[in-house]
Amino acid sequence: MAEESQASLTEQEEAILMLEKKRFKHSGSKEAYIGRTLGLSPVSYYQQLNSMIDNPRIIAAEPLLTARLRARRDLAEGQG
């Protein structure tokens, strides 16, 4: 049972991960959606996301998504 509660995600974490699975057609529409649905600024959202994708609990819940997001982040950091 301890593993079950440890692996469970908060509503906010689930909402962020679900948002990362969506595709947005227009520039800026993702940022608008973040503010509208989560009440977060894009900066706050991406700070939370970057913290989440390094969290073992989140990785266990969504291994493929978190691996893809870490690879994208690492690639962007390498280009900066």
C-alpha atoms as a PDB file:
ATOM      1  CA  MET A   1       0.000   0.000   0.000  1.00  0.00           C
ATOM      2  CA  ALA A   2       2.854   2.424   0.698  1.00  0.00           C
ATOM      3  CA  GLU A   3       4.053   2.023  -2.893  1.00  0.00           C
ATOM      4  CA  GLU A   4       0.562   2.782  -4.170  1.00  0.00           C
ATOM      5  CA  SER A   5       0.261   6.084  -2.305  1.00  0.00           C
ATOM      6  CA  GLN A   6       3.843   7.032  -3.162  1.00  0.00           C
ATOM      7  CA  ALA A   7       3.192   6.505  -6.873  1.00  0.00           C
ATOM      8  CA  SER A   8      -0.093   8.425  -6.909  1.00  0.00           C
ATOM      9  CA  LEU A   9      -0.036  11.836  -8.525  1.00  0.00           C
ATOM     10  CA  THR A  10      -1.617  15.036  -7.305  1.00  0.00           C
ATOM     11  CA  GLU A  11      -4.379  16.595  -9.393  1.00  0.00           C
ATOM     12  CA  GLN A  12      -1.967  19.341 -10.451  1.00  0.00           C
ATOM     13  CA  GLU A  13       0.686  16.815 -11.520  1.00  0.00           C
ATOM     14  CA  GLU A  14      -1.884  14.825 -13.501  1.00  0.00           C
ATOM     15  CA  ALA A  15      -3.152  18.004 -15.183  1.00  0.00           C
ATOM     16  CA  ILE A  16       0.376  19.040 -16.174  1.00  0.00           C
ATOM     17  CA  LEU A  17       1.194  15.608 -17.589  1.00  0.00           C
ATOM     18  CA  MET A  18      -2.089  15.473 -19.506  1.00  0.00           C
ATOM     19  CA  LEU A  19      -1.396  18.918 -20.938  1.00  0.00           C
ATOM     20  CA  GLU A  20       2.029  17.733 -22.122  1.00  0.00           C
ATOM     21  CA  LYS A  21       0.305  14.943 -24.066  1.00  0.00           C
ATOM     22  CA  LYS A  22      -1.816  17.474 -26.013  1.00  0.00           C
ATOM     23  CA  ARG A  23      -0.898  18.973 -29.376  1.00  0.00           C
ATOM     24  CA  PHE A  24      -1.394  22.675 -29.954  1.00  0.00           C
ATOM     25  CA  LYS A  25      -1.693  24.029 -33.508  1.00  0.00           C
ATOM     26  CA  HIS A  26      -1.090  27.725 -32.961  1.00  0.00           C
ATOM     27  CA  SER A  27       1.774  29.601 -31.350  1.00  0.00           C
ATOM     28  CA  GLY A  28       0.777  30.835 -27.913  1.00  0.00           C
ATOM     29  CA  SER A  29      -2.258  28.583 -27.596  1.00  0.00           C
ATOM     30  CA  LYS A  30      -0.492  26.275 -25.119  1.00  0.00           C
ATOM     31  CA  GLU A  31       0.456  29.209 -22.897  1.00  0.00           C
ATOM     32  CA  ALA A  32      -3.121  30.515 -23.002  1.00  0.00           C
ATOM     33  CA  TYR A  33      -4.421  27.040 -22.117  1.00  0.00           C
ATOM     34  CA  ILE A  34      -1.979  26.841 -19.178  1.00  0.00           C
ATOM     35  CA  GLY A  35      -3.286  30.070 -17.723  1.00  0.00           C
ATOM     36  CA  ARG A  36      -6.921  29.254 -18.386  1.00  0.00           C
ATOM     37  CA  THR A  37      -6.980  25.700 -17.047  1.00  0.00           C
ATOM     38  CA  LEU A  38      -4.228  25.636 -14.420  1.00  0.00           C
ATOM     39  CA  GLY A  39      -4.122  29.272 -13.354  1.00  0.00           C
ATOM     40  CA  LEU A  40      -0.342  29.317 -13.734  1.00  0.00           C
ATOM     41  CA  SER A  41       1.953  31.621 -15.623  1.00  0.00           C
ATOM     42  CA  PRO A  42       3.941  29.840 -18.347  1.00  0.00           C
ATOM     43  CA  VAL A  43       7.162  30.406 -16.350  1.00  0.00           C
ATOM     44  CA  SER A  44       5.695  28.788 -13.239  1.00  0.00           C
ATOM     45  CA  TYR A  45       4.271  25.931 -15.323  1.00  0.00           C
ATOM     46  CA  TYR A  46       7.606  25.130 -16.966  1.00  0.00           C
ATOM     47  CA  GLN A  47       9.456  25.361 -13.639  1.00  0.00           C
ATOM     48  CA  GLN A  48       7.051  22.813 -12.162  1.00  0.00           C
ATOM     49  CA  LEU A  49       7.275  20.607 -15.238  1.00  0.00           C
ATOM     50  CA  ASN A  50      11.086  20.586 -15.190  1.00  0.00           C
ATOM     51  CA  SER A  51      11.066  19.642 -11.529  1.00  0.00           C
ATOM     52  CA  MET A  52       8.460  16.935 -12.110  1.00  0.00           C
ATOM     53  CA  ILE A  53      10.277  15.156 -14.944  1.00  0.00           C
ATOM     54  CA  ASP A  54      13.273  14.516 -12.670  1.00  0.00           C
ATOM     55  CA  ASN A  55      11.103  13.183  -9.830  1.00  0.00           C
ATOM     56  CA  PRO A  56      11.313   9.359  -9.526  1.00  0.00           C
ATOM     57  CA  ARG A  57       7.625   9.179  -8.521  1.00  0.00           C
ATOM     58  CA  ILE A  58       6.558  11.013 -11.684  1.00  0.00           C
ATOM     59  CA  ILE A  59       8.977   8.990 -13.825  1.00  0.00           C
ATOM     60  CA  ALA A  60       7.463   5.760 -12.449  1.00  0.00           C
ATOM     61  CA  ALA A  61       3.957   6.968 -13.307  1.00  0.00           C
ATOM     62  CA  GLU A  62       4.804   8.206 -16.845  1.00  0.00           C
ATOM     63  CA  PRO A  63       8.157   6.742 -17.939  1.00  0.00           C
ATOM     64  CA  LEU A  64       7.836   7.361 -21.690  1.00  0.00           C
ATOM     65  CA  LEU A  65       6.477  10.882 -21.409  1.00  0.00           C
ATOM     66  CA  THR A  66       9.070  11.948 -18.834  1.00  0.00           C
ATOM     67  CA  ALA A  67      11.905  10.438 -20.898  1.00  0.00           C
ATOM     68  CA  ARG A  68      10.722  12.351 -23.978  1.00  0.00           C
ATOM     69  CA  LEU A  69      10.418  15.596 -22.024  1.00  0.00           C
ATOM     70  CA  ARG A  70      13.866  15.191 -20.429  1.00  0.00           C
ATOM     71  CA  ALA A  71      15.419  14.483 -23.837  1.00  0.00           C
ATOM     72  CA  ARG A  72      13.749  17.594 -25.299  1.00  0.00           C
ATOM     73  CA  ARG A  73      14.920  19.718 -22.346  1.00  0.00           C
ATOM     74  CA  ASP A  74      18.472  18.368 -22.542  1.00  0.00           C
ATOM     75  CA  LEU A  75      18.617  19.044 -26.267  1.00  0.00           C
ATOM     76  CA  ALA A  76      17.404  22.618 -25.768  1.00  0.00           C
ATOM     77  CA  GLU A  77      19.957  23.176 -22.990  1.00  0.00           C
ATOM     78  CA  GLY A  78      22.734  21.879 -25.229  1.00  0.00           C
ATOM     79  CA  GLN A  79      21.827  24.397 -27.913  1.00  0.00           C
ATOM     80  CA  GLY A  80      21.810  27.355 -25.503  1.00  0.00           C
END
